[in-house]
Each structure stands twice: as C-alpha cells, then as structure tokens.
C-alpha atoms as a PDB file:
ATOM      1  CA  HIS A   1      30.813  15.060  28.106  1.00  0.00           C
ATOM      2  CA  THR A   2      32.629  17.487  25.712  1.00  0.00           C
ATOM      3  CA  ALA A   3      29.741  18.935  23.426  1.00  0.00           C
ATOM      4  CA  PRO A   4      30.297  21.948  26.167  1.00  0.00           C
ATOM      5  CA  LEU A   5      33.448  22.234  25.440  1.00  0.00           C
ATOM      6  CA  LEU A   6      32.474  22.184  21.652  1.00  0.00           C
ATOM      7  CA  GLU A   7      29.765  24.855  21.866  1.00  0.00           C
ATOM      8  CA  GLU A   8      31.926  27.243  23.937  1.00  0.00           C
ATOM      9  CA  ALA A   9      34.236  27.005  21.381  1.00  0.00           C
ATOM     10  CA  VAL A  10      32.073  27.349  18.677  1.00  0.00           C
ATOM     11  CA  GLY A  11      30.257  30.059  20.343  1.00  0.00           C
ATOM     12  CA  THR A  12      31.271  33.031  17.582  1.00  0.00           C
ATOM     13  CA  LEU A  13      31.461  32.332  14.157  1.00  0.00           C
ATOM     14  CA  PRO A  14      34.877  32.821  12.311  1.00  0.00           C
ATOM     15  CA  SER A  15      34.884  36.115  10.573  1.00  0.00           C
ATOM     16  CA  GLY A  16      34.804  35.512   6.838  1.00  0.00           C
ATOM     17  CA  THR A  17      32.324  34.645   4.115  1.00  0.00           C
ATOM     18  CA  GLY A  18      33.330  31.487   3.248  1.00  0.00           C
ATOM     19  CA  ALA A  19      32.669  27.967   4.250  1.00  0.00           C
ATOM     20  CA  VAL A  20      33.430  27.652   8.606  1.00  0.00           C
ATOM     21  CA  LEU A  21      35.603  24.686   8.460  1.00  0.00           C
ATOM     22  CA  VAL A  22      35.513  22.614  11.521  1.00  0.00           C
ATOM     23  CA  ASP A  23      38.638  19.649  11.994  1.00  0.00           C
ATOM     24  CA  ILE A  24      36.974  16.769  13.942  1.00  0.00           C
ATOM     25  CA  GLY A  25      40.314  14.840  13.367  1.00  0.00           C
ATOM     26  CA  ASP A  26      40.514  13.317  16.930  1.00  0.00           C
ATOM     27  CA  VAL A  27      36.772  12.588  17.392  1.00  0.00           C
ATOM     28  CA  SER A  28      36.038   9.143  16.872  1.00  0.00           C
ATOM     29  CA  PHE A  29      32.526   9.159  18.659  1.00  0.00           C
ATOM     30  CA  ILE A  30      30.230  11.692  18.937  1.00  0.00           C
ATOM     31  CA  ASP A  31      26.494  11.585  20.093  1.00  0.00           C
ATOM     32  CA  SER A  32      23.262  13.407  19.930  1.00  0.00           C
ATOM     33  CA  SER A  33      24.712  16.240  22.131  1.00  0.00           C
ATOM     34  CA  GLY A  34      27.712  16.712  19.472  1.00  0.00           C
ATOM     35  CA  LEU A  35      25.345  16.737  16.822  1.00  0.00           C
ATOM     36  CA  ARG A  36      23.214  19.299  18.467  1.00  0.00           C
ATOM     37  CA  VAL A  37      26.193  21.589  18.302  1.00  0.00           C
ATOM     38  CA  LEU A  38      27.302  21.098  14.944  1.00  0.00           C
ATOM     39  CA  ILE A  39      23.634  21.436  13.895  1.00  0.00           C
ATOM     40  CA  GLY A  40      23.429  24.620  15.514  1.00  0.00           C
ATOM     41  CA  LEU A  41      26.626  25.960  13.886  1.00  0.00           C
ATOM     42  CA  ALA A  42      25.130  24.919  10.514  1.00  0.00           C
ATOM     43  CA  GLY A  43      22.361  26.725  11.129  1.00  0.00           C
ATOM     44  CA  ARG A  44      24.401  30.156  12.289  1.00  0.00           C
ATOM     45  CA  ALA A  45      26.927  29.841   9.401  1.00  0.00           C
ATOM     46  CA  SER A  46      23.536  29.421   7.126  1.00  0.00           C
ATOM     47  CA  ASP A  47      22.106  32.439   8.630  1.00  0.00           C
ATOM     48  CA  GLU A  48      25.187  34.501   7.121  1.00  0.00           C
ATOM     49  CA  GLY A  49      24.963  32.900   4.096  1.00  0.00           C
ATOM     50  CA  ARG A  50      28.001  29.988   4.846  1.00  0.00           C
ATOM     51  CA  THR A  51      27.878  26.899   4.972  1.00  0.00           C
ATOM     52  CA  LEU A  52      29.390  24.235   7.997  1.00  0.00           C
ATOM     53  CA  ARG A  53      32.180  22.133   6.295  1.00  0.00           C
ATOM     54  CA  VAL A  54      32.686  18.883   8.724  1.00  0.00           C
ATOM     55  CA  GLU A  55      36.517  17.757   7.768  1.00  0.00           C
ATOM     56  CA  HIS A  56      38.818  14.903   8.665  1.00  0.00           C
ATOM     57  CA  PRO A  57      36.000  13.330   9.829  1.00  0.00           C
ATOM     58  CA  SER A  58      36.562   9.477  11.209  1.00  0.00           C
ATOM     59  CA  PRO A  59      34.716   6.673   9.115  1.00  0.00           C
ATOM     60  CA  ALA A  60      32.187   6.421  12.278  1.00  0.00           C
ATOM     61  CA  VAL A  61      31.217  10.066  12.354  1.00  0.00           C
ATOM     62  CA  VAL A  62      30.583   9.799   8.634  1.00  0.00           C
ATOM     63  CA  ARG A  63      28.573   6.678   9.215  1.00  0.00           C
ATOM     64  CA  LEU A  64      26.408   8.691  11.447  1.00  0.00           C
ATOM     65  CA  ALA A  65      25.860  11.733   9.116  1.00  0.00           C
ATOM     66  CA  GLU A  66      25.013   9.151   6.776  1.00  0.00           C
ATOM     67  CA  ILE A  67      22.359   7.435   9.241  1.00  0.00           C
ATOM     68  CA  THR A  68      20.955  10.604  10.548  1.00  0.00           C
ATOM     69  CA  GLY A  69      20.469  12.231   6.871  1.00  0.00           C
ATOM     70  CA  LEU A  70      22.917  15.051   8.156  1.00  0.00           C
ATOM     71  CA  GLY A  71      25.590  14.326   5.699  1.00  0.00           C
ATOM     72  CA  GLU A  72      25.365  17.345   3.661  1.00  0.00           C
ATOM     73  CA  MET A  73      24.697  19.855   6.134  1.00  0.00           C
ATOM     74  CA  PHE A  74      28.010  18.918   7.229  1.00  0.00           C
ATOM     75  CA  GLY A  75      29.719  19.159   3.780  1.00  0.00           C
ATOM     76  CA  LEU A  76      30.161  15.260   3.397  1.00  0.00           C
ATOM     77  CA  THR A  77      29.398  13.965  -0.054  1.00  0.00           C
ATOM     78  CA  ASP A  78      30.190  10.981  -1.602  1.00  0.00           C
ATOM     79  CA  ASP A  79      32.371  12.004  -4.107  1.00  0.00           C
ATOM     80  CA  GLU A  80      35.161  13.028  -1.129  1.00  0.00           C
ATOM     81  CA  PRO A  81      37.703  11.251   0.094  1.00  0.00           C
ATOM     82  CA  GLU A  82      36.817   9.828   3.569  1.00  0.00           C
ATOM     83  CA  SER A  83      39.643  10.784   5.999  1.00  0.00           C
END
C-alpha cells in the first residue's frame, strides 16, 4: 500500500555523481510493487552512470533480494554486514 508513496519520494534522483542511497531500515516487508519502484530507481540511476545502494535492509528484505536475484542491483553483497 505504500509503494506509491515510495515512488513519489524517489521521483527525482538526488543531485550528485555517487551512489543513490535508499535507507529502508524501517521496512519489514516488501512486495512486488515495492520491488518495482526500486528496480525503476536503479534503472534511472544507471542511466545517469550511478548505482543504487539499498541500506539497512531487514533480513526478510535481504532474503527477497537474494531469491529474486536483485541483491547485486540493490548493492547487497555477501561481504557486507546485514542490518
């Protein structure tokens, strides 16, 4: 139900040249609608030569990223601590 709010919040990429950081520390559940927003944001960042970095994901979100193969797209790798 909150994916439209997320989509509105990330409608414009922040200025800069580095990674686009999205802190999802308060997110305990994400479904296909939320993933769609993050995938779209990753695509827009990539179009500008940037990367998306999802920060402070819950274990459930990390697991979903692993299952869907989106961990690398979201900047989640095995060598980084989970939050």
